[in-house]
C-alpha atoms as a PDB file:
ATOM      1  CA  MET A   1     107.073  32.904 -78.235  1.00  0.00           C
ATOM      2  CA  THR A   2     104.887  31.170 -80.802  1.00  0.00           C
ATOM      3  CA  ALA A   3     105.627  28.522 -83.385  1.00  0.00           C
ATOM      4  CA  LEU A   4     105.637  29.491 -87.045  1.00  0.00           C
ATOM      5  CA  GLY A   5     102.310  27.743 -87.717  1.00  0.00           C
ATOM      6  CA  ALA A   6     100.539  28.851 -84.543  1.00  0.00           C
ATOM      7  CA  ILE A   7      97.895  31.551 -84.860  1.00  0.00           C
ATOM      8  CA  PRO A   8      98.913  34.534 -82.703  1.00  0.00           C
ATOM      9  CA  ILE A   9      96.435  36.277 -80.418  1.00  0.00           C
ATOM     10  CA  VAL A  10      97.112  40.019 -80.565  1.00  0.00           C
ATOM     11  CA  PRO A  11      97.046  41.422 -78.010  1.00  0.00           C
ATOM     12  CA  PRO A  12      97.571  38.334 -75.833  1.00  0.00           C
ATOM     13  CA  ILE A  13      94.904  37.473 -73.280  1.00  0.00           C
ATOM     14  CA  SER A  14      96.412  37.761 -69.808  1.00  0.00           C
ATOM     15  CA  GLY A  15      95.578  38.087 -66.147  1.00  0.00           C
ATOM     16  CA  GLN A  16      96.153  36.659 -62.680  1.00  0.00           C
ATOM     17  CA  TRP A  17      95.708  32.888 -62.266  1.00  0.00           C
ATOM     18  CA  PRO A  18      92.459  32.605 -60.281  1.00  0.00           C
ATOM     19  CA  PHE A  19      92.834  28.961 -59.217  1.00  0.00           C
ATOM     20  CA  SER A  20      94.605  27.259 -56.358  1.00  0.00           C
ATOM     21  CA  GLY A  21      97.243  25.007 -57.890  1.00  0.00           C
ATOM     22  CA  PHE A  22      96.754  23.460 -61.294  1.00  0.00           C
ATOM     23  CA  PRO A  23      93.465  21.524 -61.562  1.00  0.00           C
ATOM     24  CA  ALA A  24      93.022  18.998 -64.380  1.00  0.00           C
ATOM     25  CA  GLU A  25      90.335  21.224 -65.928  1.00  0.00           C
ATOM     26  CA  VAL A  26      89.523  24.901 -65.571  1.00  0.00           C
ATOM     27  CA  GLN A  27      86.987  27.287 -67.021  1.00  0.00           C
ATOM     28  CA  LEU A  28      88.492  30.646 -67.897  1.00  0.00           C
ATOM     29  CA  ASN A  29      86.927  33.463 -69.912  1.00  0.00           C
ATOM     30  CA  GLY A  30      83.990  31.204 -70.755  1.00  0.00           C
ATOM     31  CA  ARG A  31      86.162  28.458 -72.255  1.00  0.00           C
ATOM     32  CA  MET A  32      87.094  25.031 -70.898  1.00  0.00           C
ATOM     33  CA  PHE A  33      90.787  24.163 -70.685  1.00  0.00           C
ATOM     34  CA  ALA A  34      92.504  20.888 -69.779  1.00  0.00           C
ATOM     35  CA  LEU A  35      95.987  20.530 -68.312  1.00  0.00           C
ATOM     36  CA  ALA A  36      98.266  19.906 -71.308  1.00  0.00           C
ATOM     37  CA  VAL A  37      99.880  16.501 -71.699  1.00  0.00           C
ATOM     38  CA  TRP A  38     101.986  17.686 -74.636  1.00  0.00           C
ATOM     39  CA  ALA A  39     103.630  20.736 -73.065  1.00  0.00           C
ATOM     40  CA  SER A  40     106.658  22.514 -74.501  1.00  0.00           C
ATOM     41  CA  PRO A  41     109.521  23.247 -72.089  1.00  0.00           C
ATOM     42  CA  PHE A  42     110.441  26.346 -74.121  1.00  0.00           C
ATOM     43  CA  TYR A  43     107.688  28.654 -72.874  1.00  0.00           C
ATOM     44  CA  GLY A  44     109.044  29.084 -69.329  1.00  0.00           C
ATOM     45  CA  ALA A  45     105.624  28.278 -67.866  1.00  0.00           C
ATOM     46  CA  VAL A  46     104.971  26.261 -64.706  1.00  0.00           C
ATOM     47  CA  ALA A  47     101.757  24.838 -66.202  1.00  0.00           C
ATOM     48  CA  GLN A  48     100.185  24.701 -69.629  1.00  0.00           C
ATOM     49  CA  TYR A  49      96.569  24.166 -70.632  1.00  0.00           C
ATOM     50  CA  ARG A  50      94.823  23.764 -73.961  1.00  0.00           C
ATOM     51  CA  GLU A  51      91.256  24.574 -74.791  1.00  0.00           C
ATOM     52  CA  GLU A  52      89.162  21.401 -74.946  1.00  0.00           C
ATOM     53  CA  VAL A  53      88.519  21.473 -78.707  1.00  0.00           C
ATOM     54  CA  ASP A  54      90.126  19.498 -81.545  1.00  0.00           C
ATOM     55  CA  GLN A  55      91.116  22.444 -83.737  1.00  0.00           C
ATOM     56  CA  ASN A  56      91.988  26.075 -83.049  1.00  0.00           C
ATOM     57  CA  ALA A  57      92.607  25.446 -79.351  1.00  0.00           C
ATOM     58  CA  GLN A  58      93.806  28.350 -77.244  1.00  0.00           C
ATOM     59  CA  HIS A  59      97.120  27.519 -75.532  1.00  0.00           C
ATOM     60  CA  LEU A  60      97.158  28.885 -71.989  1.00  0.00           C
ATOM     61  CA  LEU A  61     100.441  29.390 -70.129  1.00  0.00           C
ATOM     62  CA  VAL A  62     100.686  29.873 -66.346  1.00  0.00           C
ATOM     63  CA  TYR A  63     103.837  31.491 -64.970  1.00  0.00           C
ATOM     64  CA  ARG A  64     105.630  31.290 -61.634  1.00  0.00           C
ATOM     65  CA  ASP A  65     104.557  34.829 -60.673  1.00  0.00           C
ATOM     66  CA  GLY A  66     100.873  33.790 -60.707  1.00  0.00           C
ATOM     67  CA  SER A  67     100.012  35.352 -64.036  1.00  0.00           C
ATOM     68  CA  TYR A  68      98.615  33.597 -67.085  1.00  0.00           C
ATOM     69  CA  GLU A  69      98.798  34.387 -70.772  1.00  0.00           C
ATOM     70  CA  ILE A  70      97.253  33.071 -73.978  1.00  0.00           C
ATOM     71  CA  THR A  71      99.503  34.153 -76.848  1.00  0.00           C
ATOM     72  CA  HIS A  72      98.365  31.810 -79.604  1.00  0.00           C
ATOM     73  CA  VAL A  73      95.921  29.214 -80.873  1.00  0.00           C
ATOM     74  CA  ASP A  74      97.117  25.738 -81.873  1.00  0.00           C
ATOM     75  CA  GLU A  75      95.527  24.715 -85.173  1.00  0.00           C
ATOM     76  CA  ALA A  76      95.590  21.059 -84.090  1.00  0.00           C
ATOM     77  CA  ASN A  77      95.288  20.012 -80.441  1.00  0.00           C
ATOM     78  CA  PRO A  78      97.837  17.281 -79.598  1.00  0.00           C
ATOM     79  CA  ASP A  79      96.105  16.592 -76.289  1.00  0.00           C
ATOM     80  CA  ARG A  80      93.010  15.474 -78.226  1.00  0.00           C
ATOM     81  CA  GLY A  81      94.948  13.005 -80.410  1.00  0.00           C
ATOM     82  CA  TYR A  82      96.220  15.301 -83.163  1.00  0.00           C
ATOM     83  CA  VAL A  83      99.917  14.937 -82.324  1.00  0.00           C
ATOM     84  CA  LEU A  84     101.278  14.597 -85.872  1.00  0.00           C
ATOM     85  CA  GLN A  85      99.042  17.359 -87.190  1.00  0.00           C
ATOM     86  CA  HIS A  86     100.225  19.592 -84.334  1.00  0.00           C
ATOM     87  CA  ALA A  87     103.856  18.841 -85.176  1.00  0.00           C
ATOM     88  CA  ALA A  88     103.287  19.687 -88.845  1.00  0.00           C
ATOM     89  CA  LEU A  89     101.015  22.731 -88.416  1.00  0.00           C
ATOM     90  CA  ASP A  90     101.960  24.336 -85.123  1.00  0.00           C
ATOM     91  CA  CYS A  91     105.644  23.518 -84.606  1.00  0.00           C
ATOM     92  CA  PRO A  92     107.296  23.304 -88.002  1.00  0.00           C
ATOM     93  CA  SER A  93     110.706  24.191 -86.572  1.00  0.00           C
ATOM     94  CA  GLY A  94     110.427  21.297 -84.101  1.00  0.00           C
ATOM     95  CA  LEU A  95     109.362  18.967 -86.888  1.00  0.00           C
ATOM     96  CA  ALA A  96     112.301  20.067 -89.035  1.00  0.00           C
ATOM     97  CA  ILE A  97     114.766  19.482 -86.201  1.00  0.00           C
ATOM     98  CA  GLY A  98     113.229  16.064 -85.465  1.00  0.00           C
ATOM     99  CA  ALA A  99     113.355  15.090 -89.140  1.00  0.00           C
ATOM    100  CA  ALA A 100     116.981  16.218 -89.396  1.00  0.00           C
ATOM    101  CA  ILE A 101     118.001  14.189 -86.343  1.00  0.00           C
ATOM    102  CA  GLY A 102     116.045  11.161 -87.577  1.00  0.00           C
ATOM    103  CA  GLY A 103     117.586  11.441 -91.048  1.00  0.00           C
ATOM    104  CA  MET A 104     121.068  11.728 -89.617  1.00  0.00           C
ATOM    105  CA  PHE A 105     120.511   8.630 -87.473  1.00  0.00           C
ATOM    106  CA  VAL A 106     119.149   6.597 -90.414  1.00  0.00           C
ATOM    107  CA  GLY A 107     122.053   7.745 -92.596  1.00  0.00           C
ATOM    108  CA  LEU A 108     124.612   6.833 -89.943  1.00  0.00           C
ATOM    109  CA  VAL A 109     123.167   3.366 -89.348  1.00  0.00           C
ATOM    110  CA  THR A 110     122.796   2.705 -93.083  1.00  0.00           C
ATOM    111  CA  GLY A 111     126.350   3.889 -93.712  1.00  0.00           C
ATOM    112  CA  LEU A 112     127.741   1.652 -90.974  1.00  0.00           C
ATOM    113  CA  LEU A 113     125.849  -1.364 -92.310  1.00  0.00           C
ATOM    114  CA  LEU A 114     126.877  -0.764 -95.940  1.00  0.00           C
ATOM    115  CA  PHE A 115     130.561  -0.244 -95.203  1.00  0.00           C
ATOM    116  CA  GLU A 116     131.128  -3.134 -92.811  1.00  0.00           C
END
């Protein structure tokens, strides 16, 4: 599963997780990855890592069966401070849902205050 703005990697990069546990940083396929702080619960992964670059960061997913997969590249890396850019570029559906919920809340509060 990838977000609408994420850049897919076809075919995905995959293999067996070569590390014991989930270290804070790993080097895999010649690239450095850091354990993701901003990790989506929707991937079904037990751990997530992002490449240690600001833009076009590979998003690495580790699964319960000991396999890993890199299915996409995040245009903006939220773990390096680009949280809003990530929300706008890499998860537009999440941003739309968040905006809808926020708008509904603002409308409800405003309506309650105006019609008191």
